[in-house]
């Protein structure tokens, strides 16, 4: 895992919709986010102020588990990639 907070923005940041930065929905904003990959799987986690690590779940990947989604980088109308949204898991 390596620090990657600079690759994320919060939903209300204008860069969330105008750049390739990923969006994080978390009570801790973009602080202390780490990324890693293993055999093609992208993993993202965030440490809270007490140091406990929480998973950041890719929203589209989670939806794909329950339906016939096309993967974590599927493109939706308007060119917005829903696969770029990550949600904090308690």
C-alpha atoms as a PDB file:
ATOM      1  CA  UNK A   1       0.000   0.000   0.000  1.00  0.00           C
ATOM      2  CA  UNK A   2       1.182   3.512  -0.738  1.00  0.00           C
ATOM      3  CA  UNK A   3      -0.221   6.970   0.122  1.00  0.00           C
ATOM      4  CA  UNK A   4      -2.625   8.193  -2.558  1.00  0.00           C
ATOM      5  CA  UNK A   5      -4.748  10.925  -0.931  1.00  0.00           C
ATOM      6  CA  UNK A   6      -3.701  13.282  -3.720  1.00  0.00           C
ATOM      7  CA  UNK A   7      -5.667  11.148  -6.215  1.00  0.00           C
ATOM      8  CA  UNK A   8      -8.975  11.750  -4.393  1.00  0.00           C
ATOM      9  CA  UNK A   9     -11.368  14.652  -3.911  1.00  0.00           C
ATOM     10  CA  UNK A  10     -14.649  15.016  -2.013  1.00  0.00           C
ATOM     11  CA  UNK A  11     -17.952  15.139  -3.976  1.00  0.00           C
ATOM     12  CA  UNK A  12     -18.417  18.918  -3.658  1.00  0.00           C
ATOM     13  CA  UNK A  13     -14.929  19.692  -5.015  1.00  0.00           C
ATOM     14  CA  UNK A  14     -15.244  20.999  -8.617  1.00  0.00           C
ATOM     15  CA  UNK A  15     -12.415  18.628  -9.612  1.00  0.00           C
ATOM     16  CA  UNK A  16     -14.713  15.688  -8.833  1.00  0.00           C
ATOM     17  CA  UNK A  17     -16.573  16.314 -12.067  1.00  0.00           C
ATOM     18  CA  UNK A  18     -13.930  17.915 -14.273  1.00  0.00           C
ATOM     19  CA  UNK A  19     -10.842  15.708 -13.776  1.00  0.00           C
ATOM     20  CA  UNK A  20      -9.856  12.049 -13.563  1.00  0.00           C
ATOM     21  CA  UNK A  21      -9.488  12.271  -9.787  1.00  0.00           C
ATOM     22  CA  UNK A  22     -11.452   9.699  -7.827  1.00  0.00           C
ATOM     23  CA  UNK A  23     -14.231  10.785  -5.471  1.00  0.00           C
ATOM     24  CA  UNK A  24     -14.324   9.643  -1.852  1.00  0.00           C
ATOM     25  CA  UNK A  25     -17.406   9.743   0.357  1.00  0.00           C
ATOM     26  CA  UNK A  26     -15.968   9.557   3.850  1.00  0.00           C
ATOM     27  CA  UNK A  27     -16.310  11.336   7.199  1.00  0.00           C
ATOM     28  CA  UNK A  28     -12.527  11.906   7.017  1.00  0.00           C
ATOM     29  CA  UNK A  29     -12.398  13.558   3.595  1.00  0.00           C
ATOM     30  CA  UNK A  30      -9.245  12.713   1.672  1.00  0.00           C
ATOM     31  CA  UNK A  31      -6.941  12.309   4.697  1.00  0.00           C
ATOM     32  CA  UNK A  32      -4.755   9.196   5.103  1.00  0.00           C
ATOM     33  CA  UNK A  33      -5.901   7.245   2.022  1.00  0.00           C
ATOM     34  CA  UNK A  34      -3.690   4.393   0.812  1.00  0.00           C
ATOM     35  CA  UNK A  35      -3.895   2.448  -2.445  1.00  0.00           C
ATOM     36  CA  UNK A  36      -2.491  -0.828  -3.606  1.00  0.00           C
ATOM     37  CA  UNK A  37      -3.093  -3.531  -6.145  1.00  0.00           C
ATOM     38  CA  UNK A  38      -2.685  -7.271  -6.202  1.00  0.00           C
ATOM     39  CA  UNK A  39      -3.164  -9.431  -9.285  1.00  0.00           C
ATOM     40  CA  UNK A  40      -5.168  -6.729 -11.039  1.00  0.00           C
ATOM     41  CA  UNK A  41      -7.407  -5.866  -8.076  1.00  0.00           C
ATOM     42  CA  UNK A  42      -7.256  -2.252  -6.890  1.00  0.00           C
ATOM     43  CA  UNK A  43      -7.522  -1.855  -3.117  1.00  0.00           C
ATOM     44  CA  UNK A  44      -8.176   1.430  -1.289  1.00  0.00           C
ATOM     45  CA  UNK A  45      -8.246   2.011   2.460  1.00  0.00           C
ATOM     46  CA  UNK A  46      -8.326   4.949   4.847  1.00  0.00           C
ATOM     47  CA  UNK A  47      -7.059   5.307   8.394  1.00  0.00           C
ATOM     48  CA  UNK A  48      -9.275   7.184  10.832  1.00  0.00           C
ATOM     49  CA  UNK A  49      -7.834   9.643  13.401  1.00  0.00           C
ATOM     50  CA  UNK A  50      -7.347   6.768  15.879  1.00  0.00           C
ATOM     51  CA  UNK A  51      -5.357   4.777  13.300  1.00  0.00           C
ATOM     52  CA  UNK A  52      -8.018   2.139  12.571  1.00  0.00           C
ATOM     53  CA  UNK A  53      -8.017   1.187   8.889  1.00  0.00           C
ATOM     54  CA  UNK A  54     -11.309   1.153   6.964  1.00  0.00           C
ATOM     55  CA  UNK A  55     -11.937  -0.145   3.458  1.00  0.00           C
ATOM     56  CA  UNK A  56     -13.066   2.306   0.799  1.00  0.00           C
ATOM     57  CA  UNK A  57     -15.457   0.356  -1.430  1.00  0.00           C
ATOM     58  CA  UNK A  58     -15.737   1.179  -5.103  1.00  0.00           C
ATOM     59  CA  UNK A  59     -19.416   2.055  -5.519  1.00  0.00           C
ATOM     60  CA  UNK A  60     -19.870   0.558  -8.983  1.00  0.00           C
ATOM     61  CA  UNK A  61     -18.026  -2.650  -8.066  1.00  0.00           C
ATOM     62  CA  UNK A  62     -20.375  -3.053  -5.099  1.00  0.00           C
ATOM     63  CA  UNK A  63     -23.410  -2.550  -7.337  1.00  0.00           C
ATOM     64  CA  UNK A  64     -22.029  -5.041  -9.874  1.00  0.00           C
ATOM     65  CA  UNK A  65     -21.994  -7.726  -7.175  1.00  0.00           C
ATOM     66  CA  UNK A  66     -25.790  -7.504  -7.008  1.00  0.00           C
ATOM     67  CA  UNK A  67     -26.606  -7.094 -10.678  1.00  0.00           C
ATOM     68  CA  UNK A  68     -25.220  -7.393 -14.136  1.00  0.00           C
ATOM     69  CA  UNK A  69     -22.823  -4.455 -13.887  1.00  0.00           C
ATOM     70  CA  UNK A  70     -19.988  -4.181 -16.354  1.00  0.00           C
ATOM     71  CA  UNK A  71     -17.148  -3.731 -13.888  1.00  0.00           C
ATOM     72  CA  UNK A  72     -15.591  -0.936 -11.918  1.00  0.00           C
ATOM     73  CA  UNK A  73     -14.860   1.383 -14.869  1.00  0.00           C
ATOM     74  CA  UNK A  74     -18.218   1.380 -16.660  1.00  0.00           C
ATOM     75  CA  UNK A  75     -19.101   4.700 -18.191  1.00  0.00           C
ATOM     76  CA  UNK A  76     -22.507   6.253 -17.660  1.00  0.00           C
ATOM     77  CA  UNK A  77     -24.368   8.949 -19.543  1.00  0.00           C
ATOM     78  CA  UNK A  78     -22.680  12.321 -19.740  1.00  0.00           C
ATOM     79  CA  UNK A  79     -19.213  10.791 -19.673  1.00  0.00           C
ATOM     80  CA  UNK A  80     -19.163  10.496 -15.869  1.00  0.00           C
ATOM     81  CA  UNK A  81     -17.463   7.334 -14.672  1.00  0.00           C
ATOM     82  CA  UNK A  82     -19.331   5.945 -11.670  1.00  0.00           C
ATOM     83  CA  UNK A  83     -16.370   3.631 -11.094  1.00  0.00           C
ATOM     84  CA  UNK A  84     -14.428   6.557  -9.705  1.00  0.00           C
ATOM     85  CA  UNK A  85     -16.562   6.851  -6.555  1.00  0.00           C
ATOM     86  CA  UNK A  86     -15.331   5.191  -3.345  1.00  0.00           C
ATOM     87  CA  UNK A  87     -17.394   4.943  -0.145  1.00  0.00           C
ATOM     88  CA  UNK A  88     -16.042   4.653   3.404  1.00  0.00           C
ATOM     89  CA  UNK A  89     -16.892   1.397   5.182  1.00  0.00           C
ATOM     90  CA  UNK A  90     -17.223   1.558   9.006  1.00  0.00           C
END
